[in-house]
Amino acid sequence: LTGFNNNKKNSDNFLLILLIFLSTISLIYFINIYQINKSAAYFLMPTRFWEIASGCLSFLIICKIKFKLNNNISYLSLFSIIIILLCMIFNTEFAILSTFLVVICSNIFLISINKNTKLYLLLTHPISLFIGSLSYSLYLWHWGVYSLSKWTIGIHWWSVPFQILLFFTLSICSYKFVEQPLRRSIWNIKKWITLIYGIFGSILVLIFL
């Protein structure tokens, strides 16, 4: 819609304005709907769009400003990580505030991280990158393992290592044998036909479910 994908003139400005506009609406909707229906606020795209778009906004800001950070403000990245970790222990009564802080601090981190810091070296270590590549798979599988364990053998100090090993193993398998093959397969040379395949496949899965 903005022509950003085709590098059209002023497309980055159009995309920036569009994202700010849609993100503002999404954030207002999230704050209001959370008071009424927490599940809807958590699961629906309109209420989560502002979170996803914030990463894109940070990218555009970095590209537009094209600034080079000095060591004087590199502490912001560490400070933002600490805030994010603290938000994890917030009571659910402060869910709106903690969600907002996590999103804002994540973007401050992305903008302020300095490549010369130990934090950057830690997060770009091969092990960290491997866990990062599995992050979505881990997100999907850990809850299933946790729920089934809770309903059967329970969650104990002795069972936690095995449960962690199990959802890591499932995540690696689904990433390598499901996610990557499906994502990288060339379904058709023409993109619109691939899109039709995707829509048709989604409808079949929806009917089955």
N, C-alpha and C. Protein backbone atom coordinates (compact mmCIF):
# COMPACT_ATOMS: atom_id res chain seq x y z
N LEU A 1 0.82 -1.22 0.00
CA LEU A 1 0.00 0.00 0.00
C LEU A 1 0.85 1.27 0.00
N THR A 2 1.98 1.23 0.68
CA THR A 2 2.83 2.42 0.78
C THR A 2 3.93 2.46 -0.27
N GLY A 3 4.14 1.33 -0.96
CA GLY A 3 5.21 1.26 -1.96
C GLY A 3 6.58 1.01 -1.35
N PHE A 4 6.63 0.72 -0.06
CA PHE A 4 7.91 0.53 0.63
C PHE A 4 8.67 -0.67 0.06
N ASN A 5 7.93 -1.72 -0.27
CA ASN A 5 8.56 -2.94 -0.78
C ASN A 5 9.25 -2.71 -2.12
N ASN A 6 8.77 -1.71 -2.88
CA ASN A 6 9.33 -1.41 -4.20
C ASN A 6 10.24 -0.18 -4.18
N ASN A 7 10.58 0.28 -2.96
CA ASN A 7 11.48 1.42 -2.79
C ASN A 7 11.00 2.68 -3.52
N LYS A 8 9.70 2.91 -3.49
CA LYS A 8 9.16 4.11 -4.13
C LYS A 8 9.50 5.35 -3.31
N LYS A 9 9.49 6.51 -3.97
CA LYS A 9 9.86 7.76 -3.33
C LYS A 9 8.92 8.07 -2.15
N ASN A 10 9.51 8.44 -1.03
CA ASN A 10 8.79 8.78 0.20
C ASN A 10 7.97 7.63 0.78
N SER A 11 8.22 6.42 0.29
CA SER A 11 7.45 5.27 0.78
C SER A 11 7.72 5.00 2.26
N ASP A 12 8.96 5.28 2.70
CA ASP A 12 9.29 5.06 4.12
C ASP A 12 8.51 6.02 5.01
N ASN A 13 8.30 7.25 4.53
CA ASN A 13 7.50 8.22 5.29
C ASN A 13 6.04 7.80 5.35
N PHE A 14 5.51 7.31 4.21
CA PHE A 14 4.13 6.84 4.17
C PHE A 14 3.93 5.66 5.11
N LEU A 15 4.89 4.73 5.09
CA LEU A 15 4.81 3.55 5.96
C LEU A 15 4.88 3.96 7.43
N LEU A 16 5.75 4.90 7.75
CA LEU A 16 5.91 5.38 9.12
C LEU A 16 4.61 6.01 9.62
N ILE A 17 4.01 6.86 8.81
CA ILE A 17 2.76 7.54 9.18
C ILE A 17 1.63 6.51 9.34
N LEU A 18 1.54 5.57 8.40
CA LEU A 18 0.49 4.55 8.45
C LEU A 18 0.62 3.69 9.70
N LEU A 19 1.85 3.28 10.02
CA LEU A 19 2.07 2.44 11.20
C LEU A 19 1.76 3.18 12.50
N ILE A 20 2.15 4.44 12.57
CA ILE A 20 1.85 5.24 13.76
C ILE A 20 0.35 5.37 13.95
N PHE A 21 -0.36 5.63 12.84
CA PHE A 21 -1.81 5.79 12.89
C PHE A 21 -2.49 4.49 13.33
N LEU A 22 -2.14 3.37 12.69
CA LEU A 22 -2.76 2.09 13.02
C LEU A 22 -2.36 1.60 14.42
N SER A 23 -1.12 1.86 14.80
CA SER A 23 -0.65 1.44 16.13
C SER A 23 -1.37 2.20 17.24
N THR A 24 -1.63 3.48 17.00
CA THR A 24 -2.35 4.28 17.99
C THR A 24 -3.76 3.74 18.20
N ILE A 25 -4.44 3.44 17.09
CA ILE A 25 -5.79 2.87 17.17
C ILE A 25 -5.75 1.52 17.89
N SER A 26 -4.77 0.69 17.53
CA SER A 26 -4.63 -0.64 18.12
C SER A 26 -4.36 -0.56 19.62
N LEU A 27 -3.49 0.36 20.04
CA LEU A 27 -3.17 0.52 21.46
C LEU A 27 -4.40 0.97 22.26
N ILE A 28 -5.13 1.93 21.72
CA ILE A 28 -6.35 2.41 22.39
C ILE A 28 -7.37 1.26 22.50
N TYR A 29 -7.50 0.48 21.43
CA TYR A 29 -8.41 -0.66 21.42
C TYR A 29 -7.99 -1.70 22.45
N PHE A 30 -6.67 -1.96 22.53
CA PHE A 30 -6.14 -2.93 23.50
C PHE A 30 -6.46 -2.51 24.93
N ILE A 31 -6.21 -1.25 25.25
CA ILE A 31 -6.45 -0.75 26.61
C ILE A 31 -7.92 -0.86 26.99
N ASN A 32 -8.80 -0.55 26.05
CA ASN A 32 -10.24 -0.58 26.33
C ASN A 32 -10.81 -2.00 26.39
N ILE A 33 -10.39 -2.84 25.45
CA ILE A 33 -10.96 -4.19 25.37
C ILE A 33 -10.43 -5.07 26.50
N TYR A 34 -9.23 -4.76 27.02
CA TYR A 34 -8.65 -5.57 28.09
C TYR A 34 -9.51 -5.51 29.36
N GLN A 35 -10.15 -4.37 29.57
CA GLN A 35 -11.00 -4.22 30.74
C GLN A 35 -12.26 -5.10 30.65
N ILE A 36 -12.66 -5.41 29.42
CA ILE A 36 -13.90 -6.16 29.19
C ILE A 36 -13.64 -7.64 28.94
N ASN A 37 -12.68 -7.92 28.05
CA ASN A 37 -12.41 -9.29 27.64
C ASN A 37 -10.90 -9.50 27.49
N LYS A 38 -10.28 -10.07 28.50
CA LYS A 38 -8.83 -10.25 28.50
C LYS A 38 -8.37 -11.22 27.41
N SER A 39 -9.15 -12.26 27.18
CA SER A 39 -8.79 -13.24 26.15
C SER A 39 -8.78 -12.61 24.76
N ALA A 40 -9.78 -11.78 24.48
CA ALA A 40 -9.83 -11.09 23.19
C ALA A 40 -8.65 -10.15 23.03
N ALA A 41 -8.30 -9.44 24.11
CA ALA A 41 -7.17 -8.51 24.07
C ALA A 41 -5.86 -9.24 23.82
N TYR A 42 -5.79 -10.48 24.32
CA TYR A 42 -4.54 -11.24 24.19
C TYR A 42 -4.43 -11.93 22.83
N PHE A 43 -5.53 -12.48 22.33
CA PHE A 43 -5.46 -13.33 21.14
C PHE A 43 -5.73 -12.63 19.81
N LEU A 44 -6.49 -11.55 19.81
CA LEU A 44 -6.89 -10.95 18.53
C LEU A 44 -5.81 -10.04 17.95
N MET A 45 -5.68 -10.09 16.62
CA MET A 45 -4.68 -9.29 15.94
C MET A 45 -4.86 -7.77 16.12
N PRO A 46 -6.09 -7.23 16.01
CA PRO A 46 -6.24 -5.77 16.15
C PRO A 46 -5.71 -5.23 17.47
N THR A 47 -5.82 -6.03 18.54
CA THR A 47 -5.36 -5.56 19.85
C THR A 47 -3.86 -5.79 20.05
N ARG A 48 -3.25 -6.62 19.20
CA ARG A 48 -1.81 -6.90 19.33
C ARG A 48 -0.99 -6.24 18.23
N PHE A 49 -1.66 -5.61 17.28
CA PHE A 49 -0.95 -5.03 16.13
C PHE A 49 0.10 -4.00 16.56
N TRP A 50 -0.22 -3.17 17.54
CA TRP A 50 0.70 -2.11 17.97
C TRP A 50 2.01 -2.68 18.49
N GLU A 51 1.96 -3.89 19.08
CA GLU A 51 3.17 -4.52 19.58
C GLU A 51 4.07 -4.97 18.43
N ILE A 52 3.45 -5.60 17.43
CA ILE A 52 4.20 -6.09 16.27
C ILE A 52 4.75 -4.91 15.47
N ALA A 53 3.92 -3.88 15.28
CA ALA A 53 4.31 -2.73 14.48
C ALA A 53 5.43 -1.92 15.13
N SER A 54 5.57 -2.02 16.46
CA SER A 54 6.59 -1.23 17.16
C SER A 54 8.00 -1.60 16.69
N GLY A 55 8.20 -2.87 16.39
CA GLY A 55 9.51 -3.31 15.88
C GLY A 55 9.81 -2.70 14.52
N CYS A 56 8.79 -2.65 13.69
CA CYS A 56 8.93 -2.04 12.36
C CYS A 56 9.19 -0.54 12.49
N LEU A 57 8.53 0.10 13.44
CA LEU A 57 8.73 1.53 13.68
C LEU A 57 10.16 1.81 14.14
N SER A 58 10.68 0.95 14.99
CA SER A 58 12.06 1.10 15.45
C SER A 58 13.04 1.00 14.29
N PHE A 59 12.79 0.05 13.41
CA PHE A 59 13.64 -0.13 12.22
C PHE A 59 13.62 1.13 11.35
N LEU A 60 12.44 1.67 11.13
CA LEU A 60 12.31 2.87 10.31
C LEU A 60 13.00 4.07 10.97
N ILE A 61 12.87 4.16 12.28
CA ILE A 61 13.51 5.26 13.01
C ILE A 61 15.03 5.17 12.89
N ILE A 62 15.57 3.96 13.06
CA ILE A 62 17.01 3.76 12.94
C ILE A 62 17.50 4.12 11.54
N CYS A 63 16.75 3.70 10.52
CA CYS A 63 17.13 3.98 9.13
C CYS A 63 17.04 5.47 8.80
N LYS A 64 16.03 6.13 9.34
CA LYS A 64 15.83 7.54 9.02
C LYS A 64 16.84 8.43 9.74
N ILE A 65 17.07 8.15 10.99
CA ILE A 65 17.99 8.99 11.76
C ILE A 65 19.44 8.68 11.38
N LYS A 66 19.71 7.37 11.16
CA LYS A 66 21.04 6.92 10.76
C LYS A 66 22.12 7.43 11.71
N PHE A 67 21.82 7.32 12.99
CA PHE A 67 22.78 7.81 13.98
C PHE A 67 23.72 6.70 14.45
N LYS A 68 24.85 7.11 14.93
CA LYS A 68 25.81 6.18 15.51
C LYS A 68 25.83 6.39 17.02
N LEU A 69 25.53 5.36 17.72
CA LEU A 69 25.47 5.47 19.18
C LEU A 69 26.86 5.50 19.79
N ASN A 70 27.01 6.29 20.81
CA ASN A 70 28.28 6.27 21.54
C ASN A 70 28.09 5.52 22.85
N ASN A 71 29.19 5.29 23.52
CA ASN A 71 29.14 4.48 24.74
C ASN A 71 28.38 5.15 25.88
N ASN A 72 28.13 6.44 25.76
CA ASN A 72 27.47 7.18 26.85
C ASN A 72 26.02 6.75 27.06
N ILE A 73 25.36 6.27 25.99
CA ILE A 73 23.96 5.88 26.14
C ILE A 73 23.76 4.37 25.96
N SER A 74 24.86 3.63 25.90
CA SER A 74 24.75 2.18 25.75
C SER A 74 24.13 1.52 26.98
N TYR A 75 24.15 2.23 28.12
CA TYR A 75 23.57 1.69 29.35
C TYR A 75 22.05 1.51 29.21
N LEU A 76 21.44 2.21 28.25
CA LEU A 76 19.99 2.10 28.04
C LEU A 76 19.58 0.67 27.68
N SER A 77 20.42 -0.02 26.94
CA SER A 77 20.10 -1.40 26.55
C SER A 77 20.04 -2.31 27.77
N LEU A 78 21.00 -2.16 28.67
CA LEU A 78 21.02 -2.96 29.90
C LEU A 78 19.85 -2.58 30.79
N PHE A 79 19.58 -1.29 30.90
CA PHE A 79 18.49 -0.79 31.71
C PHE A 79 17.14 -1.32 31.21
N SER A 80 16.97 -1.35 29.89
CA SER A 80 15.71 -1.84 29.31
C SER A 80 15.52 -3.33 29.56
N ILE A 81 16.61 -4.11 29.51
CA ILE A 81 16.54 -5.55 29.79
C ILE A 81 16.10 -5.78 31.24
N ILE A 82 16.65 -4.99 32.17
CA ILE A 82 16.29 -5.12 33.58
C ILE A 82 14.81 -4.83 33.79
N ILE A 83 14.30 -3.78 33.13
CA ILE A 83 12.88 -3.43 33.23
C ILE A 83 12.00 -4.58 32.72
N ILE A 84 12.40 -5.17 31.59
CA ILE A 84 11.63 -6.29 31.01
C ILE A 84 11.57 -7.46 31.98
N LEU A 85 12.70 -7.79 32.61
CA LEU A 85 12.74 -8.89 33.58
C LEU A 85 11.89 -8.60 34.80
N LEU A 86 11.89 -7.35 35.25
CA LEU A 86 11.08 -6.96 36.39
C LEU A 86 9.58 -7.07 36.07
N CYS A 87 9.23 -6.78 34.83
CA CYS A 87 7.82 -6.85 34.42
C CYS A 87 7.26 -8.26 34.52
N MET A 88 8.14 -9.26 34.46
CA MET A 88 7.70 -10.65 34.53
C MET A 88 7.14 -11.02 35.90
N ILE A 89 7.49 -10.23 36.93
CA ILE A 89 6.99 -10.55 38.27
C ILE A 89 5.83 -9.64 38.67
N PHE A 90 5.38 -8.79 37.73
CA PHE A 90 4.24 -7.92 38.01
C PHE A 90 2.98 -8.75 38.21
N ASN A 91 2.12 -8.28 39.06
CA ASN A 91 0.81 -8.90 39.26
C ASN A 91 -0.03 -8.68 38.00
N THR A 92 -0.97 -9.59 37.74
CA THR A 92 -1.81 -9.48 36.54
C THR A 92 -2.67 -8.21 36.54
N GLU A 93 -2.83 -7.60 37.70
CA GLU A 93 -3.58 -6.35 37.78
C GLU A 93 -2.88 -5.24 36.99
N PHE A 94 -1.56 -5.40 36.81
CA PHE A 94 -0.78 -4.38 36.10
C PHE A 94 -0.39 -4.87 34.70
N ALA A 95 -1.24 -5.74 34.12
CA ALA A 95 -0.91 -6.35 32.82
C ALA A 95 -0.78 -5.31 31.70
N ILE A 96 -1.65 -4.31 31.69
CA ILE A 96 -1.59 -3.28 30.65
C ILE A 96 -0.29 -2.50 30.75
N LEU A 97 0.06 -2.11 31.97
CA LEU A 97 1.30 -1.35 32.19
C LEU A 97 2.53 -2.19 31.84
N SER A 98 2.55 -3.44 32.31
CA SER A 98 3.71 -4.30 32.06
C SER A 98 3.86 -4.60 30.57
N THR A 99 2.74 -4.81 29.87
CA THR A 99 2.79 -5.06 28.42
C THR A 99 3.37 -3.85 27.70
N PHE A 100 2.89 -2.68 28.07
CA PHE A 100 3.37 -1.44 27.45
C PHE A 100 4.87 -1.24 27.72
N LEU A 101 5.30 -1.49 28.96
CA LEU A 101 6.71 -1.31 29.32
C LEU A 101 7.60 -2.29 28.57
N VAL A 102 7.15 -3.55 28.46
CA VAL A 102 7.95 -4.56 27.76
C VAL A 102 8.13 -4.18 26.29
N VAL A 103 7.07 -3.73 25.64
CA VAL A 103 7.15 -3.35 24.23
C VAL A 103 8.07 -2.14 24.05
N ILE A 104 7.88 -1.10 24.87
CA ILE A 104 8.69 0.10 24.77
C ILE A 104 10.16 -0.21 25.06
N CYS A 105 10.42 -0.97 26.12
CA CYS A 105 11.80 -1.29 26.49
C CYS A 105 12.48 -2.20 25.46
N SER A 106 11.70 -3.08 24.83
CA SER A 106 12.26 -3.92 23.77
C SER A 106 12.76 -3.07 22.62
N ASN A 107 12.00 -2.04 22.29
CA ASN A 107 12.39 -1.16 21.19
C ASN A 107 13.54 -0.23 21.57
N ILE A 108 13.55 0.22 22.82
CA ILE A 108 14.69 1.01 23.31
C ILE A 108 15.96 0.17 23.24
N PHE A 109 15.81 -1.11 23.60
CA PHE A 109 16.96 -2.02 23.54
C PHE A 109 17.47 -2.16 22.11
N LEU A 110 16.55 -2.37 21.17
CA LEU A 110 16.95 -2.55 19.76
C LEU A 110 17.67 -1.32 19.21
N ILE A 111 17.19 -0.15 19.63
CA ILE A 111 17.76 1.10 19.12
C ILE A 111 19.09 1.43 19.80
N SER A 112 19.22 1.10 21.09
CA SER A 112 20.38 1.56 21.86
C SER A 112 21.51 0.54 22.01
N ILE A 113 21.28 -0.71 21.62
CA ILE A 113 22.31 -1.73 21.81
C ILE A 113 23.59 -1.36 21.07
N ASN A 114 24.71 -1.49 21.76
CA ASN A 114 26.02 -1.15 21.20
C ASN A 114 26.79 -2.43 20.93
N LYS A 115 27.36 -2.55 19.74
CA LYS A 115 28.04 -3.77 19.33
C LYS A 115 29.33 -4.03 20.13
N ASN A 116 29.81 -3.04 20.82
CA ASN A 116 31.06 -3.20 21.57
C ASN A 116 30.84 -3.65 23.02
N THR A 117 29.57 -3.86 23.40
CA THR A 117 29.28 -4.24 24.78
C THR A 117 29.26 -5.76 24.95
N LYS A 118 29.44 -6.19 26.19
CA LYS A 118 29.40 -7.62 26.50
C LYS A 118 27.99 -8.19 26.30
N LEU A 119 26.99 -7.35 26.55
CA LEU A 119 25.61 -7.78 26.37
C LEU A 119 25.34 -8.15 24.92
N TYR A 120 25.86 -7.35 24.00
CA TYR A 120 25.70 -7.63 22.57
C TYR A 120 26.39 -8.95 22.20
N LEU A 121 27.62 -9.13 22.71
CA LEU A 121 28.37 -10.36 22.43
C LEU A 121 27.65 -11.59 22.99
N LEU A 122 27.04 -11.42 24.16
CA LEU A 122 26.30 -12.53 24.77
C LEU A 122 25.09 -12.91 23.93
N LEU A 123 24.34 -11.90 23.47
CA LEU A 123 23.11 -12.15 22.72
C LEU A 123 23.36 -12.57 21.28
N THR A 124 24.57 -12.33 20.77
CA THR A 124 24.90 -12.76 19.41
C THR A 124 25.77 -14.02 19.41
N HIS A 125 25.94 -14.62 20.58
CA HIS A 125 26.66 -15.89 20.68
C HIS A 125 25.86 -16.97 19.94
N PRO A 126 26.54 -17.91 19.28
CA PRO A 126 25.83 -18.97 18.52
C PRO A 126 24.74 -19.68 19.31
N ILE A 127 24.96 -19.93 20.59
CA ILE A 127 23.95 -20.59 21.41
C ILE A 127 22.72 -19.70 21.57
N SER A 128 22.96 -18.41 21.82
CA SER A 128 21.85 -17.45 21.95
C SER A 128 21.06 -17.35 20.64
N LEU A 129 21.78 -17.33 19.52
CA LEU A 129 21.12 -17.24 18.21
C LEU A 129 20.31 -18.50 17.91
N PHE A 130 20.84 -19.65 18.34
CA PHE A 130 20.12 -20.91 18.12
C PHE A 130 18.81 -20.92 18.91
N ILE A 131 18.88 -20.50 20.18
CA ILE A 131 17.67 -20.43 21.01
C ILE A 131 16.70 -19.41 20.41
N GLY A 132 17.23 -18.29 19.90
CA GLY A 132 16.39 -17.28 19.26
C GLY A 132 15.67 -17.82 18.04
N SER A 133 16.35 -18.63 17.24
CA SER A 133 15.71 -19.21 16.05
C SER A 133 14.60 -20.19 16.43
N LEU A 134 14.72 -20.77 17.62
CA LEU A 134 13.71 -21.73 18.10
C LEU A 134 12.60 -21.05 18.90
N SER A 135 12.70 -19.74 19.09
CA SER A 135 11.83 -19.05 20.04
C SER A 135 10.35 -19.30 19.79
N TYR A 136 9.93 -19.27 18.52
CA TYR A 136 8.50 -19.47 18.26
C TYR A 136 8.10 -20.92 18.54
N SER A 137 8.95 -21.85 18.16
CA SER A 137 8.68 -23.27 18.44
C SER A 137 8.62 -23.53 19.94
N LEU A 138 9.54 -22.91 20.68
CA LEU A 138 9.54 -23.04 22.14
C LEU A 138 8.26 -22.47 22.72
N TYR A 139 7.84 -21.34 22.15
CA TYR A 139 6.60 -20.69 22.60
C TYR A 139 5.41 -21.64 22.40
N LEU A 140 5.38 -22.35 21.28
CA LEU A 140 4.26 -23.26 20.99
C LEU A 140 4.29 -24.51 21.85
N TRP A 141 5.47 -25.11 22.00
CA TRP A 141 5.55 -26.43 22.61
C TRP A 141 5.62 -26.42 24.14
N HIS A 142 6.18 -25.37 24.73
CA HIS A 142 6.39 -25.43 26.18
C HIS A 142 5.06 -25.51 26.94
N TRP A 143 4.04 -24.85 26.40
CA TRP A 143 2.76 -24.83 27.12
C TRP A 143 2.08 -26.19 27.07
N GLY A 144 2.19 -26.86 25.93
CA GLY A 144 1.61 -28.21 25.81
C GLY A 144 2.25 -29.18 26.77
N VAL A 145 3.57 -29.14 26.84
CA VAL A 145 4.30 -30.02 27.76
C VAL A 145 3.96 -29.68 29.21
N TYR A 146 3.90 -28.39 29.50
CA TYR A 146 3.56 -27.95 30.86
C TYR A 146 2.16 -28.41 31.26
N SER A 147 1.19 -28.22 30.36
CA SER A 147 -0.21 -28.58 30.67
C SER A 147 -0.37 -30.07 30.87
N LEU A 148 0.19 -30.86 29.95
CA LEU A 148 0.07 -32.32 30.06
C LEU A 148 0.77 -32.84 31.31
N SER A 149 1.91 -32.22 31.63
CA SER A 149 2.64 -32.63 32.84
C SER A 149 1.83 -32.30 34.09
N LYS A 150 1.21 -31.14 34.08
CA LYS A 150 0.43 -30.70 35.24
C LYS A 150 -0.76 -31.63 35.49
N TRP A 151 -1.34 -32.13 34.38
CA TRP A 151 -2.52 -33.00 34.50
C TRP A 151 -2.14 -34.45 34.78
N THR A 152 -0.86 -34.81 34.63
CA THR A 152 -0.44 -36.21 34.81
C THR A 152 0.54 -36.36 35.96
N ILE A 153 1.83 -36.25 35.67
CA ILE A 153 2.84 -36.49 36.71
C ILE A 153 3.06 -35.28 37.61
N GLY A 154 2.61 -34.10 37.16
CA GLY A 154 2.80 -32.88 37.94
C GLY A 154 4.12 -32.18 37.61
N ILE A 155 4.31 -31.00 38.22
CA ILE A 155 5.54 -30.24 38.05
C ILE A 155 6.33 -30.31 39.35
N HIS A 156 7.48 -31.02 39.30
CA HIS A 156 8.31 -31.20 40.49
C HIS A 156 9.74 -30.81 40.18
N TRP A 157 10.54 -30.66 41.22
CA TRP A 157 11.95 -30.28 41.01
C TRP A 157 12.68 -31.33 40.18
N TRP A 158 12.31 -32.60 40.37
CA TRP A 158 12.99 -33.66 39.64
C TRP A 158 12.47 -33.83 38.21
N SER A 159 11.24 -33.35 37.95
CA SER A 159 10.66 -33.53 36.61
C SER A 159 10.97 -32.37 35.66
N VAL A 160 11.28 -31.20 36.22
CA VAL A 160 11.50 -30.01 35.40
C VAL A 160 12.61 -30.19 34.35
N PRO A 161 13.79 -30.76 34.70
CA PRO A 161 14.82 -30.96 33.67
C PRO A 161 14.34 -31.81 32.50
N PHE A 162 13.57 -32.87 32.78
CA PHE A 162 13.05 -33.74 31.71
C PHE A 162 12.01 -33.00 30.86
N GLN A 163 11.19 -32.19 31.51
CA GLN A 163 10.16 -31.44 30.79
C GLN A 163 10.78 -30.37 29.89
N ILE A 164 11.83 -29.73 30.39
CA ILE A 164 12.55 -28.75 29.57
C ILE A 164 13.21 -29.44 28.38
N LEU A 165 13.84 -30.58 28.64
CA LEU A 165 14.47 -31.36 27.56
C LEU A 165 13.43 -31.78 26.52
N LEU A 166 12.24 -32.17 26.98
CA LEU A 166 11.19 -32.62 26.08
C LEU A 166 10.71 -31.51 25.16
N PHE A 167 10.38 -30.32 25.72
CA PHE A 167 9.87 -29.28 24.83
C PHE A 167 10.96 -28.66 23.96
N PHE A 168 12.23 -28.76 24.40
CA PHE A 168 13.32 -28.34 23.52
C PHE A 168 13.47 -29.30 22.35
N THR A 169 13.36 -30.60 22.63
CA THR A 169 13.47 -31.62 21.57
C THR A 169 12.33 -31.48 20.57
N LEU A 170 11.10 -31.30 21.07
CA LEU A 170 9.95 -31.11 20.19
C LEU A 170 10.09 -29.85 19.36
N SER A 171 10.62 -28.80 19.95
CA SER A 171 10.80 -27.53 19.25
C SER A 171 11.81 -27.66 18.12
N ILE A 172 12.92 -28.35 18.39
CA ILE A 172 13.96 -28.55 17.37
C ILE A 172 13.40 -29.35 16.21
N CYS A 173 12.66 -30.41 16.52
CA CYS A 173 12.08 -31.26 15.48
C CYS A 173 11.07 -30.50 14.62
N SER A 174 10.18 -29.75 15.26
CA SER A 174 9.16 -29.02 14.49
C SER A 174 9.80 -27.89 13.68
N TYR A 175 10.87 -27.29 14.22
CA TYR A 175 11.55 -26.21 13.49
C TYR A 175 12.24 -26.74 12.24
N LYS A 176 12.94 -27.86 12.39
CA LYS A 176 13.72 -28.40 11.28
C LYS A 176 12.89 -29.16 10.26
N PHE A 177 11.85 -29.87 10.73
CA PHE A 177 11.12 -30.76 9.83
C PHE A 177 9.72 -30.26 9.43
N VAL A 178 9.24 -29.19 10.09
CA VAL A 178 7.93 -28.64 9.73
C VAL A 178 8.04 -27.18 9.30
N GLU A 179 8.52 -26.33 10.21
CA GLU A 179 8.57 -24.89 9.92
C GLU A 179 9.44 -24.55 8.71
N GLN A 180 10.71 -24.97 8.77
CA GLN A 180 11.64 -24.61 7.70
C GLN A 180 11.27 -25.19 6.34
N PRO A 181 10.95 -26.50 6.25
CA PRO A 181 10.56 -27.03 4.93
C PRO A 181 9.33 -26.35 4.35
N LEU A 182 8.31 -26.10 5.18
CA LEU A 182 7.10 -25.46 4.68
C LEU A 182 7.35 -24.01 4.29
N ARG A 183 8.17 -23.33 5.05
CA ARG A 183 8.40 -21.91 4.81
C ARG A 183 9.29 -21.68 3.59
N ARG A 184 10.24 -22.57 3.35
CA ARG A 184 11.21 -22.37 2.28
C ARG A 184 10.84 -23.08 0.98
N SER A 185 9.79 -23.89 1.02
CA SER A 185 9.38 -24.60 -0.21
C SER A 185 8.84 -23.62 -1.25
N ILE A 186 9.19 -23.88 -2.51
CA ILE A 186 8.65 -23.07 -3.61
C ILE A 186 7.40 -23.79 -4.11
N TRP A 187 6.25 -23.31 -3.66
CA TRP A 187 4.99 -23.96 -4.00
C TRP A 187 4.62 -23.70 -5.44
N ASN A 188 4.90 -22.50 -5.89
CA ASN A 188 4.65 -22.15 -7.28
C ASN A 188 5.50 -20.92 -7.63
N ILE A 189 5.90 -20.84 -8.90
CA ILE A 189 6.71 -19.70 -9.33
C ILE A 189 5.92 -18.40 -9.19
N LYS A 190 4.62 -18.48 -9.42
CA LYS A 190 3.77 -17.29 -9.30
C LYS A 190 3.28 -17.15 -7.86
N LYS A 191 3.53 -15.99 -7.28
CA LYS A 191 3.20 -15.78 -5.87
C LYS A 191 1.70 -15.85 -5.61
N TRP A 192 0.90 -15.38 -6.55
CA TRP A 192 -0.56 -15.35 -6.32
C TRP A 192 -1.13 -16.76 -6.25
N ILE A 193 -0.52 -17.70 -6.98
CA ILE A 193 -0.97 -19.10 -6.90
C ILE A 193 -0.58 -19.69 -5.55
N THR A 194 0.62 -19.36 -5.08
CA THR A 194 1.06 -19.80 -3.76
C THR A 194 0.11 -19.27 -2.68
N LEU A 195 -0.33 -18.02 -2.86
CA LEU A 195 -1.27 -17.41 -1.91
C LEU A 195 -2.60 -18.17 -1.90
N ILE A 196 -3.06 -18.58 -3.08
CA ILE A 196 -4.30 -19.36 -3.19
C ILE A 196 -4.14 -20.70 -2.48
N TYR A 197 -2.97 -21.34 -2.67
CA TYR A 197 -2.69 -22.59 -1.97
C TYR A 197 -2.80 -22.39 -0.45
N GLY A 198 -2.22 -21.29 0.03
CA GLY A 198 -2.25 -21.00 1.46
C GLY A 198 -3.65 -20.79 1.99
N ILE A 199 -4.45 -20.02 1.24
CA ILE A 199 -5.84 -19.76 1.66
C ILE A 199 -6.65 -21.04 1.65
N PHE A 200 -6.49 -21.83 0.59
CA PHE A 200 -7.22 -23.10 0.48
C PHE A 200 -6.82 -24.06 1.60
N GLY A 201 -5.51 -24.13 1.89
CA GLY A 201 -5.03 -24.99 2.96
C GLY A 201 -5.57 -24.55 4.32
N SER A 202 -5.63 -23.24 4.54
CA SER A 202 -6.14 -22.70 5.80
C SER A 202 -7.62 -23.04 5.99
N ILE A 203 -8.37 -22.95 4.89
CA ILE A 203 -9.81 -23.27 4.95
C ILE A 203 -10.01 -24.74 5.29
N LEU A 204 -9.21 -25.62 4.68
CA LEU A 204 -9.31 -27.06 4.96
C LEU A 204 -9.00 -27.36 6.42
N VAL A 205 -7.95 -26.74 6.94
CA VAL A 205 -7.58 -26.93 8.35
C VAL A 205 -8.67 -26.41 9.27
N LEU A 206 -9.26 -25.25 8.90
CA LEU A 206 -10.33 -24.66 9.70
C LEU A 206 -11.55 -25.58 9.75
N ILE A 207 -11.92 -26.15 8.61
CA ILE A 207 -13.05 -27.09 8.54
C ILE A 207 -12.77 -28.34 9.39
N PHE A 208 -11.52 -28.83 9.29
CA PHE A 208 -11.14 -30.01 10.05
C PHE A 208 -11.22 -29.75 11.56
N LEU A 209 -10.70 -28.58 11.98
CA LEU A 209 -10.74 -28.24 13.40
C LEU A 209 -12.15 -28.05 13.91
